[in-house]
Amino acid sequence: MNRKRSASIIALACASVLGTSITAQAEQVTLTEIGGTVSINGDLVSFDGETYVLQTSLGLFELPANRSMCEGPGCPAASEMPTSLYLAGSGTVTGELIPRLAQAYFGDLSDAMVRDDGIAGRTYFEIERDGQSDLMLTLVHSNSVSGLDQLIDGDLHAAFTTRPVTDTEQSVATQAGLATLRSEEQESVIAYDSLLVVTHPSNPIQAMSEVDIATIFAGEISDWSQFGRDAGKINVYMREADSNSRELLEAVLLSPHRKDLGVQINVLDSDVAIAEAVRNDPDAIGLTSFVHRAGTKSLEIEGVCGIRVPASEFSIKSGEYPLARPIYFYHAAEKAPVADMSGFADFISSTRAQSFVRDAGFIDREIVAEPLNTQGLRVTNAIIGDQSAQDLTSTRSMLKLMSYADRLSTTIRFDGGSTDLDSEDYENLEQVAALMRSSEYEGASFYFMGFSDSVGRADLNQFVALQRAEIVRTALISRYPELADRVKAQSIGYGELSPLACNETRPGRIKNRRVEIWVQRPLAVAGR
């Protein structure tokens, strides 16, 4: 904040000394000028949503809420402060994505005012609407755990996370009087990001196995010569302990292979810093976000069974790249109401908002289609391994159908033994319905192909895969009955055929329990 504004807040406070006594309910707080270093300590006498009245040793002071940050047990909750909007997300999301979305919906944002409050960094913006600065936007830099905790406690209006709410978090939210956070009204996937395993562009290695990546980050392999490359100490770059990046690495790569993160790690505080370090270090390997990958080489990741997945936009949208992470948006209106929050939630899930997602460097939610001939690894994965003669016949039939169709990036996944759809699935179906309504797909044939992991009997797995495919198809037509006469929709169950990840690991089995959507457009194959 500039000197003029610093002086104005002090002048306003000094001019408001009233000299009256405080009430018995007053509690100690500290009011700090946003973006600056001026602080006033005292007992909070009253707060009307716009102005703090503070008792100090010099008397009573009045300070505007949109110029002050309150700290202490007596501070009002965010729900009592309609002039401020509190949103939380990880560093990349708060730095790039949220400001663009907020400005597009609410109005012009002022220059950012940044302040480190000792717990989590915060960035403040004034929002000008109709020529007036009547709303203060506070961005709280946090991880998914902290953001959801604060949302449930009523300290935030909304939280952007890189994973869905857990059962435990939902239980706590229910006890706090919140509705189901994973409902269609409270949860949205607004974009996609991914962690990428990256090296220096000069590194000749194109792909690396999950086990080798885990072993490197565990510190058990420390020299590039162990991969047939010229000797050189492997320099590992990673985010801090409470970051979303480390949480995802441990869940997807370290824990499944019974590894712990090693101690010889170069810890940096942002994905930008990691990407820069890798670009400048020929012996580096690191984890950074898709948004900040420029100038590095992204490695394909190979599972324990030999299935390899490239870090492409399609593999991230379809959820097949092991470190892909959707960006979720949660808001709890009954806990922390604010004007326009429901409208903002609708906006960021809209088609219009996707242009701002792309501008911020994230992957948008728009469906993309990819033909089989661009999925060479898919064909390889479908035919490798031990298969019976019946399996080979089914695989041949499946690949013949796929060869005349395109696969949509929309993929529905299921928990083990479950056939339930969640809010994210219904969002995906809404997008598919919009695609079906377009003139490009009128009269097309849509195939809902169900697949399973390999746990249990193969015939039962095929039955469950078909059942899930039919549930997805039925849910789509039930919600959008007008589509029944516009397109053809058929369910097929392929069971354990064509795994896209390794069934030897839990993350791999989750990726294989899926329904893919393939589409054959009219006149895709000319006939006589």
Protein backbone atom coordinates (compact mmCIF):
# COMPACT_ATOMS: atom_id res chain seq x y z
CA MET A 1 0.00 0.00 0.00
CA ASN A 2 1.32 3.48 -0.80
CA ARG A 3 2.21 6.13 1.78
CA LYS A 4 -0.88 8.17 1.03
CA ARG A 5 -3.16 5.28 1.95
CA SER A 6 -1.08 4.45 5.06
CA ALA A 7 -1.39 8.02 6.23
CA SER A 8 -5.12 8.07 5.55
CA ILE A 9 -5.90 5.08 7.74
CA ILE A 10 -3.90 6.54 10.64
CA ALA A 11 -5.60 9.89 10.19
CA LEU A 12 -9.02 8.26 10.15
CA ALA A 13 -8.24 6.31 13.29
CA CYS A 14 -6.88 9.34 15.15
CA ALA A 15 -9.82 11.49 14.12
CA SER A 16 -12.22 8.90 15.54
CA VAL A 17 -11.03 8.90 19.17
CA LEU A 18 -14.24 9.09 21.18
CA GLY A 19 -13.13 8.45 24.75
CA THR A 20 -16.08 6.32 25.94
CA SER A 21 -16.00 3.04 27.87
CA ILE A 22 -16.17 -0.42 26.30
CA THR A 23 -18.76 -3.14 26.84
CA ALA A 24 -18.16 -6.21 29.00
CA GLN A 25 -18.13 -8.47 25.90
CA ALA A 26 -15.17 -6.74 24.24
CA GLU A 27 -12.24 -8.98 23.29
CA GLN A 28 -8.62 -8.26 22.37
CA VAL A 29 -7.85 -7.94 18.65
CA THR A 30 -5.20 -6.47 16.38
CA LEU A 31 -6.25 -4.46 13.34
CA THR A 32 -3.61 -4.20 10.62
CA GLU A 33 -3.68 -2.03 7.54
CA ILE A 34 -4.07 -4.30 4.52
CA GLY A 35 -0.86 -4.47 2.52
CA GLY A 36 1.04 -2.40 5.07
CA THR A 37 2.63 -2.53 8.52
CA VAL A 38 0.45 -0.16 10.56
CA SER A 39 -1.27 -2.06 13.41
CA ILE A 40 -3.51 -1.03 16.30
CA ASN A 41 -4.15 -3.24 19.35
CA GLY A 42 -7.20 -3.06 21.56
CA ASP A 43 -10.57 -4.49 22.52
CA LEU A 44 -13.19 -4.82 19.81
CA VAL A 45 -16.27 -2.94 21.03
CA SER A 46 -18.51 -3.40 18.00
CA PHE A 47 -18.57 -4.31 14.33
CA ASP A 48 -21.46 -3.50 11.98
CA GLY A 49 -20.13 -5.24 8.88
CA GLU A 50 -18.37 -2.12 7.61
CA THR A 51 -16.61 -0.48 10.56
CA TYR A 52 -14.59 -1.76 13.53
CA VAL A 53 -14.87 0.17 16.82
CA LEU A 54 -11.75 -0.51 18.88
CA GLN A 55 -10.96 0.52 22.46
CA THR A 56 -7.28 1.36 22.95
CA SER A 57 -5.22 3.04 25.65
CA LEU A 58 -5.81 6.31 23.77
CA GLY A 59 -9.58 5.86 23.55
CA LEU A 60 -11.99 4.56 20.90
CA PHE A 61 -10.97 4.22 17.27
CA GLU A 62 -13.13 3.55 14.21
CA LEU A 63 -11.49 1.73 11.30
CA PRO A 64 -13.05 0.66 7.98
CA ALA A 65 -13.27 -3.12 7.49
CA ASN A 66 -12.27 -2.97 3.83
CA ARG A 67 -8.94 -1.34 4.78
CA SER A 68 -8.13 -3.51 7.79
CA MET A 69 -7.32 -7.08 8.64
CA CYS A 70 -8.51 -8.38 12.01
CA GLU A 71 -6.52 -10.92 14.04
CA GLY A 72 -7.41 -12.29 17.46
CA PRO A 73 -10.15 -14.24 19.27
CA GLY A 74 -12.61 -11.36 19.13
CA CYS A 75 -12.55 -10.96 15.34
CA PRO A 76 -15.84 -11.51 13.50
CA ALA A 77 -16.17 -14.56 11.24
CA ALA A 78 -16.08 -14.10 7.48
CA SER A 79 -19.82 -14.73 7.42
CA GLU A 80 -20.30 -11.48 9.38
CA MET A 81 -18.34 -9.44 6.85
CA PRO A 82 -20.41 -8.96 3.68
CA THR A 83 -17.98 -6.38 2.31
CA SER A 84 -15.21 -8.96 1.99
CA LEU A 85 -14.95 -12.11 -0.09
CA TYR A 86 -12.58 -14.83 1.16
CA LEU A 87 -11.35 -17.47 -1.31
CA ALA A 88 -8.57 -20.04 -0.80
CA GLY A 89 -6.43 -22.12 -3.13
CA SER A 90 -2.92 -23.34 -3.80
CA GLY A 91 -0.21 -20.95 -4.96
CA THR A 92 -0.69 -21.57 -8.69
CA VAL A 93 -4.47 -21.29 -8.45
CA THR A 94 -4.50 -18.13 -6.33
CA GLY A 95 -1.71 -16.54 -8.33
CA GLU A 96 -3.05 -17.19 -11.82
CA LEU A 97 -6.59 -18.55 -11.98
CA ILE A 98 -8.78 -17.03 -9.26
CA PRO A 99 -7.94 -13.35 -10.00
CA ARG A 100 -8.88 -13.82 -13.67
CA LEU A 101 -12.18 -15.50 -12.82
CA ALA A 102 -13.01 -12.96 -10.10
CA GLN A 103 -12.29 -9.99 -12.34
CA ALA A 104 -14.36 -11.47 -15.17
CA TYR A 105 -17.38 -11.89 -12.89
CA PHE A 106 -17.24 -9.27 -10.14
CA GLY A 107 -15.49 -6.33 -11.80
CA ASP A 108 -12.11 -4.62 -12.07
CA LEU A 109 -9.49 -5.65 -9.51
CA SER A 110 -7.06 -3.19 -8.01
CA ASP A 111 -3.31 -3.77 -7.93
CA ALA A 112 -2.57 -6.70 -5.66
CA MET A 113 -1.67 -5.96 -2.04
CA VAL A 114 0.30 -8.87 -0.59
CA ARG A 115 0.84 -9.57 3.08
CA ASP A 116 2.32 -12.60 4.83
CA ASP A 117 0.35 -13.02 8.06
CA GLY A 118 2.72 -15.66 9.47
CA ILE A 119 0.30 -18.53 8.85
CA ALA A 120 -0.62 -18.35 5.19
CA GLY A 121 0.21 -15.76 2.58
CA ARG A 122 -2.69 -13.57 1.56
CA THR A 123 -3.32 -11.34 -1.42
CA TYR A 124 -5.87 -8.53 -1.30
CA PHE A 125 -7.76 -6.84 -4.11
CA GLU A 126 -10.35 -4.10 -4.14
CA ILE A 127 -13.14 -4.85 -6.60
CA GLU A 128 -14.68 -1.90 -8.37
CA ARG A 129 -18.31 -2.34 -9.40
CA ASP A 130 -20.29 0.49 -10.99
CA GLY A 131 -17.43 2.86 -10.28
CA GLN A 132 -17.29 2.06 -6.55
CA SER A 133 -14.87 -0.04 -4.50
CA ASP A 134 -17.52 -1.89 -2.52
CA LEU A 135 -15.97 -5.36 -2.21
CA MET A 136 -12.59 -6.58 -0.91
CA LEU A 137 -11.32 -9.88 -2.32
CA THR A 138 -8.95 -11.79 -0.04
CA LEU A 139 -7.07 -14.74 -1.54
CA VAL A 140 -5.73 -17.14 1.09
CA HIS A 141 -2.79 -19.19 -0.17
CA SER A 142 -3.34 -22.67 1.25
CA ASN A 143 -3.39 -26.36 0.42
CA SER A 144 -6.49 -28.51 -0.05
CA VAL A 145 -6.61 -29.66 3.59
CA SER A 146 -6.36 -26.17 5.05
CA GLY A 147 -8.74 -24.64 2.52
CA LEU A 148 -11.49 -27.17 3.21
CA ASP A 149 -10.99 -26.89 6.98
CA GLN A 150 -11.42 -23.11 6.82
CA LEU A 151 -14.44 -23.44 4.55
CA ILE A 152 -16.13 -25.83 6.98
CA ASP A 153 -15.26 -23.54 9.92
CA GLY A 154 -16.94 -20.60 8.16
CA ASP A 155 -13.72 -18.62 7.62
CA LEU A 156 -14.01 -18.78 3.83
CA HIS A 157 -16.70 -18.26 1.25
CA ALA A 158 -15.16 -20.77 -1.16
CA ALA A 159 -12.15 -23.06 -1.56
CA PHE A 160 -10.37 -24.21 -4.70
CA THR A 161 -8.74 -27.63 -4.20
CA THR A 162 -6.82 -30.21 -6.21
CA ARG A 163 -8.75 -33.18 -4.84
CA PRO A 164 -12.33 -33.96 -3.83
CA VAL A 165 -13.66 -33.76 -0.29
CA THR A 166 -12.92 -36.88 1.75
CA ASP A 167 -15.52 -38.85 3.72
CA THR A 168 -13.95 -37.58 6.95
CA GLU A 169 -14.15 -33.96 5.83
CA GLN A 170 -17.76 -34.41 4.77
CA SER A 171 -18.57 -35.91 8.18
CA VAL A 172 -17.06 -32.86 9.90
CA ALA A 173 -18.96 -30.58 7.52
CA THR A 174 -22.24 -32.32 8.33
CA GLN A 175 -21.61 -31.89 12.06
CA ALA A 176 -20.97 -28.20 11.38
CA GLY A 177 -24.39 -27.88 9.78
CA LEU A 178 -23.34 -27.90 6.13
CA ALA A 179 -25.11 -29.67 3.30
CA THR A 180 -23.34 -32.34 1.26
CA LEU A 181 -20.24 -30.67 -0.15
CA ARG A 182 -20.03 -33.25 -2.93
CA SER A 183 -23.48 -32.30 -4.21
CA GLU A 184 -24.02 -30.72 -7.61
CA GLU A 185 -24.87 -27.42 -5.92
CA GLN A 186 -21.70 -27.23 -3.81
CA GLU A 187 -19.00 -28.89 -5.94
CA SER A 188 -17.70 -28.14 -9.42
CA VAL A 189 -14.66 -29.14 -11.45
CA ILE A 190 -13.61 -25.95 -13.18
CA ALA A 191 -10.28 -26.88 -14.80
CA TYR A 192 -7.54 -29.48 -14.98
CA ASP A 193 -3.93 -29.34 -13.92
CA SER A 194 -1.32 -32.02 -13.40
CA LEU A 195 1.96 -32.52 -11.68
CA LEU A 196 4.61 -33.44 -14.21
CA VAL A 197 7.85 -35.30 -13.64
CA VAL A 198 10.29 -33.04 -15.47
CA THR A 199 13.97 -33.03 -16.35
CA HIS A 200 16.34 -30.68 -18.17
CA PRO A 201 15.62 -30.59 -21.95
CA SER A 202 19.06 -32.08 -22.68
CA ASN A 203 18.32 -35.21 -20.65
CA PRO A 204 17.98 -38.10 -23.17
CA ILE A 205 15.55 -40.08 -21.00
CA GLN A 206 12.00 -39.97 -22.44
CA ALA A 207 10.13 -42.17 -19.96
CA MET A 208 10.62 -43.51 -16.44
CA SER A 209 8.85 -46.19 -14.45
CA GLU A 210 6.78 -45.44 -11.36
CA VAL A 211 9.20 -47.53 -9.31
CA ASP A 212 12.26 -45.65 -10.54
CA ILE A 213 10.63 -42.26 -9.89
CA ALA A 214 9.68 -43.35 -6.38
CA THR A 215 13.18 -44.69 -5.77
CA ILE A 216 14.78 -41.42 -6.92
CA PHE A 217 12.55 -39.29 -4.69
CA ALA A 218 13.22 -41.69 -1.81
CA GLY A 219 16.96 -41.05 -2.26
CA GLU A 220 17.77 -44.70 -3.05
CA ILE A 221 19.11 -43.87 -6.53
CA SER A 222 21.36 -40.83 -6.60
CA ASP A 223 23.36 -40.90 -9.88
CA TRP A 224 22.19 -40.71 -13.48
CA SER A 225 24.72 -43.40 -14.50
CA GLN A 226 22.34 -45.96 -12.96
CA PHE A 227 20.01 -45.21 -15.89
CA GLY A 228 22.70 -45.61 -18.54
CA ARG A 229 23.31 -41.88 -18.80
CA ASP A 230 26.57 -40.03 -18.21
CA ALA A 231 27.47 -39.93 -14.54
CA GLY A 232 26.09 -37.05 -12.54
CA LYS A 233 24.44 -36.58 -9.18
CA ILE A 234 20.64 -36.55 -9.48
CA ASN A 235 19.39 -33.27 -8.07
CA VAL A 236 15.78 -33.65 -6.88
CA TYR A 237 13.51 -30.61 -6.59
CA MET A 238 10.28 -30.77 -4.60
CA ARG A 239 7.71 -28.55 -2.89
CA GLU A 240 7.47 -28.05 0.89
CA ALA A 241 6.00 -30.62 3.30
CA ASP A 242 2.44 -29.25 3.45
CA SER A 243 2.02 -28.74 -0.30
CA ASN A 244 -0.57 -30.44 -2.50
CA SER A 245 2.31 -31.60 -4.71
CA ARG A 246 3.90 -33.65 -1.97
CA GLU A 247 0.54 -35.09 -0.92
CA LEU A 248 -0.13 -36.32 -4.47
CA LEU A 249 3.40 -37.71 -4.94
CA GLU A 250 3.13 -39.72 -1.74
CA ALA A 251 -0.35 -41.06 -2.55
CA VAL A 252 0.30 -42.04 -6.18
CA LEU A 253 3.99 -42.97 -6.39
CA LEU A 254 5.65 -43.33 -2.99
CA SER A 255 3.10 -45.16 -0.84
CA PRO A 256 2.08 -47.76 -3.47
CA HIS A 257 5.75 -48.76 -3.71
CA ARG A 258 6.38 -48.51 0.06
CA LYS A 259 8.78 -45.61 -0.21
CA ASP A 260 9.27 -42.53 1.93
CA LEU A 261 10.55 -39.20 0.66
CA GLY A 262 14.32 -38.94 1.07
CA VAL A 263 16.17 -36.26 2.98
CA GLN A 264 18.42 -35.08 0.14
CA ILE A 265 15.70 -33.03 -1.50
CA ASN A 266 15.99 -29.45 -2.72
CA VAL A 267 12.84 -27.91 -1.25
CA LEU A 268 11.44 -24.87 -3.08
CA ASP A 269 8.34 -22.86 -2.29
CA SER A 270 6.62 -22.73 -5.70
CA ASP A 271 6.14 -24.66 -8.94
CA VAL A 272 7.63 -21.68 -10.77
CA ALA A 273 10.84 -21.97 -8.75
CA ILE A 274 11.04 -25.72 -9.40
CA ALA A 275 10.61 -25.29 -13.16
CA GLU A 276 13.29 -22.60 -13.20
CA ALA A 277 15.69 -24.78 -11.20
CA VAL A 278 15.17 -27.73 -13.56
CA ARG A 279 15.66 -25.54 -16.65
CA ASN A 280 19.03 -24.41 -15.28
CA ASP A 281 20.29 -27.78 -14.02
CA PRO A 282 21.20 -30.55 -16.54
CA ASP A 283 21.19 -33.10 -13.69
CA ALA A 284 17.79 -32.11 -12.30
CA ILE A 285 14.54 -33.96 -11.86
CA GLY A 286 11.52 -32.35 -10.23
CA LEU A 287 7.78 -32.10 -9.88
CA THR A 288 6.09 -29.00 -11.24
CA SER A 289 2.65 -28.12 -12.51
CA PHE A 290 1.43 -28.35 -16.09
CA VAL A 291 0.93 -24.58 -15.95
CA HIS A 292 4.65 -23.91 -15.37
CA ARG A 293 6.23 -26.72 -17.42
CA ALA A 294 7.67 -24.43 -20.15
CA GLY A 295 11.36 -25.01 -20.82
CA THR A 296 11.45 -28.45 -19.17
CA LYS A 297 11.02 -31.99 -20.54
CA SER A 298 7.96 -33.91 -19.29
CA LEU A 299 8.53 -37.62 -18.81
CA GLU A 300 6.12 -40.37 -19.74
CA ILE A 301 5.34 -42.52 -16.70
CA GLU A 302 5.46 -46.31 -17.03
CA GLY A 303 3.54 -48.53 -14.63
CA VAL A 304 4.84 -51.72 -13.04
CA CYS A 305 3.16 -53.78 -15.78
CA GLY A 306 4.78 -51.83 -18.61
CA ILE A 307 1.83 -49.56 -19.52
CA ARG A 308 3.16 -46.13 -20.40
CA VAL A 309 1.19 -42.87 -20.25
CA PRO A 310 2.36 -39.60 -21.85
CA ALA A 311 1.70 -36.25 -20.21
CA SER A 312 -0.73 -34.98 -22.86
CA GLU A 313 -3.77 -32.75 -22.61
CA PHE A 314 -6.00 -35.73 -23.47
CA SER A 315 -4.44 -38.05 -20.87
CA ILE A 316 -4.81 -35.35 -18.21
CA LYS A 317 -8.43 -34.58 -19.10
CA SER A 318 -9.33 -38.28 -19.16
CA GLY A 319 -7.56 -38.81 -15.82
CA GLU A 320 -5.09 -41.37 -17.12
CA TYR A 321 -1.85 -39.53 -16.47
CA PRO A 322 -0.99 -40.73 -12.94
CA LEU A 323 -0.44 -37.25 -11.48
CA ALA A 324 -3.41 -35.50 -13.13
CA ARG A 325 -5.43 -33.35 -10.74
CA PRO A 326 -8.76 -31.64 -11.41
CA ILE A 327 -9.30 -28.21 -9.87
CA TYR A 328 -12.39 -28.39 -7.65
CA PHE A 329 -14.48 -25.46 -6.44
CA TYR A 330 -16.46 -25.73 -3.18
CA HIS A 331 -18.68 -23.15 -1.57
CA ALA A 332 -20.88 -23.38 1.51
CA ALA A 333 -23.52 -20.68 1.22
CA GLU A 334 -25.29 -21.51 4.49
CA LYS A 335 -22.03 -21.20 6.47
CA ALA A 336 -20.59 -18.05 4.93
CA PRO A 337 -23.17 -16.24 2.78
CA VAL A 338 -22.13 -13.44 0.47
CA ALA A 339 -23.92 -11.64 -2.32
CA ASP A 340 -23.35 -13.13 -5.80
CA MET A 341 -21.54 -16.26 -4.55
CA SER A 342 -24.09 -18.59 -6.18
CA GLY A 343 -23.81 -16.57 -9.36
CA PHE A 344 -20.02 -16.76 -9.20
CA ALA A 345 -20.23 -20.54 -8.72
CA ASP A 346 -22.42 -20.82 -11.83
CA PHE A 347 -20.11 -18.57 -13.81
CA ILE A 348 -16.87 -20.44 -13.15
CA SER A 349 -18.52 -23.68 -14.29
CA SER A 350 -19.77 -22.09 -17.50
CA THR A 351 -18.40 -22.32 -21.02
CA ARG A 352 -17.56 -18.61 -20.93
CA ALA A 353 -15.23 -19.07 -17.98
CA GLN A 354 -13.13 -21.63 -19.86
CA SER A 355 -11.39 -18.93 -21.90
CA PHE A 356 -10.07 -17.46 -18.64
CA VAL A 357 -8.96 -20.94 -17.54
CA ARG A 358 -6.91 -21.25 -20.72
CA ASP A 359 -5.49 -17.74 -20.34
CA ALA A 360 -4.23 -18.72 -16.88
CA GLY A 361 -2.35 -21.69 -18.40
CA PHE A 362 -4.64 -24.44 -17.09
CA ILE A 363 -6.37 -27.12 -19.16
CA ASP A 364 -10.01 -26.30 -19.82
CA ARG A 365 -12.96 -28.66 -19.32
CA GLU A 366 -14.08 -28.70 -22.94
CA ILE A 367 -14.43 -32.20 -24.38
CA VAL A 368 -11.87 -33.24 -26.97
CA ALA A 369 -12.10 -36.25 -29.27
CA GLU A 370 -9.19 -38.46 -30.26
CA PRO A 371 -9.17 -41.25 -32.86
CA LEU A 372 -7.69 -44.67 -32.16
CA ASN A 373 -4.79 -44.09 -34.55
CA THR A 374 -3.39 -41.43 -32.18
CA GLN A 375 -3.56 -43.86 -29.26
CA GLY A 376 -0.77 -46.25 -30.25
CA LEU A 377 -0.06 -47.13 -26.64
CA ARG A 378 -3.77 -47.92 -26.20
CA VAL A 379 -3.58 -50.62 -28.90
CA THR A 380 -0.39 -52.01 -27.42
CA ASN A 381 -1.89 -52.18 -23.94
CA ALA A 382 -4.95 -53.98 -25.32
CA ILE A 383 -2.97 -56.88 -26.81
CA ILE A 384 0.01 -57.39 -24.47
CA GLY A 385 -0.13 -59.84 -21.59
CA ASP A 386 -1.68 -63.26 -21.21
CA GLN A 387 -5.00 -63.56 -23.00
CA SER A 388 -7.22 -66.49 -23.84
CA ALA A 389 -8.47 -67.12 -27.37
CA GLN A 390 -11.83 -65.69 -26.30
CA ASP A 391 -10.14 -62.55 -24.98
CA LEU A 392 -8.28 -62.09 -28.25
CA THR A 393 -11.54 -62.41 -30.19
CA SER A 394 -13.19 -59.80 -27.95
CA THR A 395 -10.16 -57.51 -28.24
CA ARG A 396 -10.27 -57.74 -32.03
CA SER A 397 -13.99 -56.88 -32.03
CA MET A 398 -13.39 -53.94 -29.68
CA LEU A 399 -10.53 -52.51 -31.74
CA LYS A 400 -12.55 -52.86 -34.96
CA LEU A 401 -15.35 -50.78 -33.46
CA MET A 402 -12.89 -48.22 -32.07
CA SER A 403 -11.11 -47.88 -35.42
CA TYR A 404 -14.19 -46.20 -36.92
CA ALA A 405 -14.87 -43.95 -33.93
CA ASP A 406 -13.33 -41.21 -31.79
CA ARG A 407 -12.90 -41.43 -28.06
CA LEU A 408 -14.14 -38.47 -26.00
CA SER A 409 -11.93 -37.24 -23.19
CA THR A 410 -14.91 -37.57 -20.81
CA THR A 411 -14.33 -40.67 -18.68
CA ILE A 412 -16.48 -41.83 -15.75
CA ARG A 413 -14.72 -43.77 -12.98
CA PHE A 414 -16.07 -45.85 -10.10
CA ASP A 415 -15.02 -46.92 -6.64
CA GLY A 416 -14.52 -50.66 -6.15
CA GLY A 417 -17.87 -52.44 -6.08
CA SER A 418 -19.77 -49.18 -6.70
CA THR A 419 -22.14 -48.19 -9.47
CA ASP A 420 -22.91 -44.71 -8.09
CA LEU A 421 -22.44 -41.46 -9.99
CA ASP A 422 -21.31 -38.28 -8.21
CA SER A 423 -21.60 -34.56 -8.92
CA GLU A 424 -18.48 -34.54 -11.12
CA ASP A 425 -19.96 -37.36 -13.22
CA TYR A 426 -23.20 -35.43 -13.74
CA GLU A 427 -21.21 -32.35 -14.75
CA ASN A 428 -19.44 -34.50 -17.33
CA LEU A 429 -22.73 -35.85 -18.64
CA GLU A 430 -24.06 -32.32 -19.01
CA GLN A 431 -21.11 -31.55 -21.27
CA VAL A 432 -21.67 -34.72 -23.29
CA ALA A 433 -25.34 -33.76 -23.71
CA ALA A 434 -24.32 -30.34 -25.05
CA LEU A 435 -22.02 -32.09 -27.54
CA MET A 436 -24.85 -34.39 -28.67
CA ARG A 437 -27.08 -31.36 -29.33
CA SER A 438 -24.57 -29.80 -31.73
CA SER A 439 -25.17 -30.14 -35.47
CA GLU A 440 -21.81 -31.86 -35.85
CA TYR A 441 -23.04 -34.92 -33.95
CA GLU A 442 -26.67 -35.15 -35.07
CA GLY A 443 -27.40 -38.76 -36.04
CA ALA A 444 -24.10 -40.00 -34.57
CA SER A 445 -23.70 -43.30 -32.71
CA PHE A 446 -22.39 -43.06 -29.14
CA TYR A 447 -20.89 -46.13 -27.49
CA PHE A 448 -20.65 -46.30 -23.69
CA MET A 449 -17.85 -48.81 -23.11
CA GLY A 450 -17.47 -50.25 -19.62
CA PHE A 451 -14.15 -51.57 -18.32
CA SER A 452 -13.05 -53.03 -14.99
CA ASP A 453 -9.96 -53.90 -13.01
CA SER A 454 -8.82 -57.54 -12.87
CA VAL A 455 -9.78 -58.29 -9.26
CA GLY A 456 -12.21 -61.21 -9.06
CA ARG A 457 -13.78 -63.40 -11.74
CA ALA A 458 -13.49 -62.18 -15.31
CA ASP A 459 -17.14 -62.95 -16.16
CA LEU A 460 -18.40 -60.98 -13.15
CA ASN A 461 -16.09 -58.10 -14.01
CA GLN A 462 -17.52 -58.00 -17.52
CA PHE A 463 -21.06 -58.00 -16.10
CA VAL A 464 -20.26 -55.13 -13.71
CA ALA A 465 -18.53 -53.20 -16.53
CA LEU A 466 -21.64 -53.54 -18.71
CA GLN A 467 -23.87 -52.57 -15.78
CA ARG A 468 -21.84 -49.38 -15.19
CA ALA A 469 -21.90 -48.49 -18.89
CA GLU A 470 -25.69 -48.87 -18.92
CA ILE A 471 -26.04 -46.77 -15.75
CA VAL A 472 -24.09 -43.93 -17.40
CA ARG A 473 -26.08 -44.19 -20.65
CA THR A 474 -29.40 -44.32 -18.80
CA ALA A 475 -28.49 -41.38 -16.56
CA LEU A 476 -27.69 -39.28 -19.62
CA ILE A 477 -30.90 -40.10 -21.51
CA SER A 478 -33.03 -39.76 -18.36
CA ARG A 479 -31.73 -36.25 -17.70
CA TYR A 480 -31.86 -35.18 -21.32
CA PRO A 481 -34.69 -37.20 -22.93
CA GLU A 482 -34.69 -35.06 -26.05
CA LEU A 483 -31.42 -36.76 -27.05
CA ALA A 484 -33.05 -40.19 -27.45
CA ASP A 485 -34.29 -39.33 -30.95
CA ARG A 486 -31.25 -37.28 -31.92
CA VAL A 487 -28.42 -39.80 -31.49
CA LYS A 488 -27.96 -43.54 -31.07
CA ALA A 489 -26.60 -44.69 -27.71
CA GLN A 490 -25.43 -48.21 -26.92
CA SER A 491 -23.82 -49.81 -23.85
CA ILE A 492 -21.04 -52.39 -24.17
CA GLY A 493 -19.11 -54.22 -21.45
CA TYR A 494 -15.48 -55.17 -22.09
CA GLY A 495 -14.51 -56.03 -18.51
CA GLU A 496 -10.79 -56.51 -17.98
CA LEU A 497 -9.82 -55.90 -21.62
CA SER A 498 -7.67 -52.91 -22.54
CA PRO A 499 -6.31 -51.73 -19.18
CA LEU A 500 -5.05 -48.14 -19.19
CA ALA A 501 -3.11 -48.56 -15.95
CA CYS A 502 -1.58 -51.40 -13.98
CA ASN A 503 -3.91 -53.54 -11.89
CA GLU A 504 -1.03 -54.33 -9.53
CA THR A 505 -1.50 -50.99 -7.73
CA ARG A 506 -4.57 -49.39 -6.16
CA PRO A 507 -4.28 -46.15 -8.22
CA GLY A 508 -4.05 -48.32 -11.34
CA ARG A 509 -7.17 -50.31 -10.46
CA ILE A 510 -9.10 -47.08 -9.87
CA LYS A 511 -8.18 -45.84 -13.37
CA ASN A 512 -9.28 -49.13 -14.94
CA ARG A 513 -12.78 -49.08 -13.40
CA ARG A 514 -14.20 -46.73 -16.00
CA VAL A 515 -16.76 -46.00 -18.68
CA GLU A 516 -15.36 -44.49 -21.87
CA ILE A 517 -17.54 -42.71 -24.43
CA TRP A 518 -16.79 -43.30 -28.11
CA VAL A 519 -18.62 -41.64 -30.99
CA GLN A 520 -19.00 -42.62 -34.63
CA ARG A 521 -20.22 -39.72 -36.69
CA PRO A 522 -22.52 -40.15 -39.70
CA LEU A 523 -20.66 -41.01 -42.90
CA ALA A 524 -17.48 -41.71 -40.94
CA VAL A 525 -17.04 -44.65 -43.32
CA ALA A 526 -18.23 -44.26 -46.89
CA GLY A 527 -20.34 -47.07 -48.29
CA ARG A 528 -22.11 -48.01 -51.50
